[in-house]
Protein backbone atom coordinates (compact mmCIF):
# COMPACT_ATOMS: atom_id res chain seq x y z
CA UNK A 1 130.42 145.37 211.25
CA UNK A 2 133.96 144.42 212.07
CA UNK A 3 136.95 145.09 209.57
CA UNK A 4 140.07 143.46 209.85
CA UNK A 5 143.30 145.08 209.61
CA UNK A 6 145.63 142.87 206.56
CA UNK A 7 148.93 141.96 207.07
CA UNK A 8 151.74 144.64 206.15
CA UNK A 9 153.30 142.13 203.74
CA UNK A 10 150.10 140.98 201.97
CA UNK A 11 150.53 142.62 198.13
CA UNK A 12 148.72 141.23 195.36
CA UNK A 13 150.61 140.27 192.77
CA UNK A 14 150.79 141.58 189.03
CA UNK A 15 148.72 139.01 187.97
CA UNK A 16 146.08 139.19 191.31
CA UNK A 17 142.89 141.29 191.90
CA UNK A 18 144.32 144.56 193.86
CA UNK A 19 141.31 145.29 196.18
CA UNK A 20 140.46 147.28 199.37
CA UNK A 21 138.59 146.67 202.49
CA UNK A 22 135.43 148.92 201.65
CA UNK A 23 135.69 148.26 197.95
CA UNK A 24 132.94 146.86 196.51
CA UNK A 25 132.26 143.42 193.90
CA UNK A 26 130.18 141.21 192.49
CA UNK A 27 130.14 137.54 191.84
CA UNK A 28 130.89 136.41 188.14
CA UNK A 29 130.24 132.94 189.34
CA UNK A 30 127.79 131.40 192.22
CA UNK A 31 129.73 130.89 195.24
CA UNK A 32 128.56 128.67 198.41
CA UNK A 33 124.55 129.84 197.24
CA UNK A 34 125.70 133.53 196.67
CA UNK A 35 124.28 133.76 193.19
CA UNK A 36 126.20 134.96 190.56
CA UNK A 37 125.96 139.03 190.28
CA UNK A 38 125.09 139.54 194.27
CA UNK A 39 127.40 142.39 194.73
CA UNK A 40 129.16 143.01 198.47
CA UNK A 41 131.76 144.20 200.53
CA UNK A 42 135.36 143.64 200.68
CA UNK A 43 135.51 142.97 204.89
CA UNK A 44 139.17 141.71 204.73
CA UNK A 45 142.73 141.79 201.92
CA UNK A 46 144.57 139.13 203.15
CA UNK A 47 147.57 136.68 201.81
CA UNK A 48 151.35 136.36 200.85
CA UNK A 49 151.41 133.94 198.02
CA UNK A 50 148.03 134.02 197.32
CA UNK A 51 145.91 137.90 197.75
CA UNK A 52 142.48 136.55 198.96
CA UNK A 53 139.39 138.50 199.86
CA UNK A 54 136.91 138.00 202.95
CA UNK A 55 133.68 139.32 201.21
CA UNK A 56 130.20 140.80 203.01
CA UNK A 57 127.57 140.40 200.58
CA UNK A 58 124.38 142.51 200.22
CA UNK A 59 122.27 138.65 200.77
CA UNK A 60 123.68 138.55 204.26
CA UNK A 61 126.41 136.07 203.29
CA UNK A 62 129.72 136.25 204.28
CA UNK A 63 132.34 134.39 202.23
CA UNK A 64 135.92 134.40 202.39
CA UNK A 65 138.78 132.80 200.44
CA UNK A 66 137.88 134.80 197.49
CA UNK A 67 139.94 136.00 194.37
CA UNK A 68 139.54 136.90 190.81
CA UNK A 69 138.13 133.14 189.76
CA UNK A 70 134.64 134.75 191.59
CA UNK A 71 134.52 138.27 191.72
CA UNK A 72 134.94 141.50 190.16
CA UNK A 73 135.63 144.77 191.50
CA UNK A 74 132.69 147.37 190.27
CA UNK A 75 132.43 150.99 190.77
CA UNK A 76 135.12 152.93 192.95
CA UNK A 77 137.61 150.17 192.59
CA UNK A 78 136.88 149.52 189.34
CA UNK A 79 138.00 152.89 188.41
CA UNK A 80 140.89 153.44 190.67
CA UNK A 81 141.98 149.19 188.55
CA UNK A 82 141.77 150.87 185.19
CA UNK A 83 143.08 154.29 186.16
CA UNK A 84 146.47 152.03 187.32
CA UNK A 85 146.58 150.53 184.85
CA UNK A 86 146.28 153.41 181.72
CA UNK A 87 149.38 154.19 184.42
CA UNK A 88 151.32 151.54 183.99
CA UNK A 89 150.99 151.43 179.90
CA UNK A 90 152.51 155.41 179.69
């Protein structure tokens, strides 16, 4: 599987998902034929003004231009995000 290196200036804004290459995600809406609840792996995290992700889903579909409107973090990525939010509130 090929992974792409994100641009050094590709950093999400405070209201956007902050995912990394290799993070696991799940769809929370149907996306281009990928059913709701399908899990996948982030293979590209990129964008300047709009942080977006390319995901290889477990059903074999590879879809780009996804963000928090279609996907949500699960597993390790979710724990990392929750921990970062808790530290920010302190």
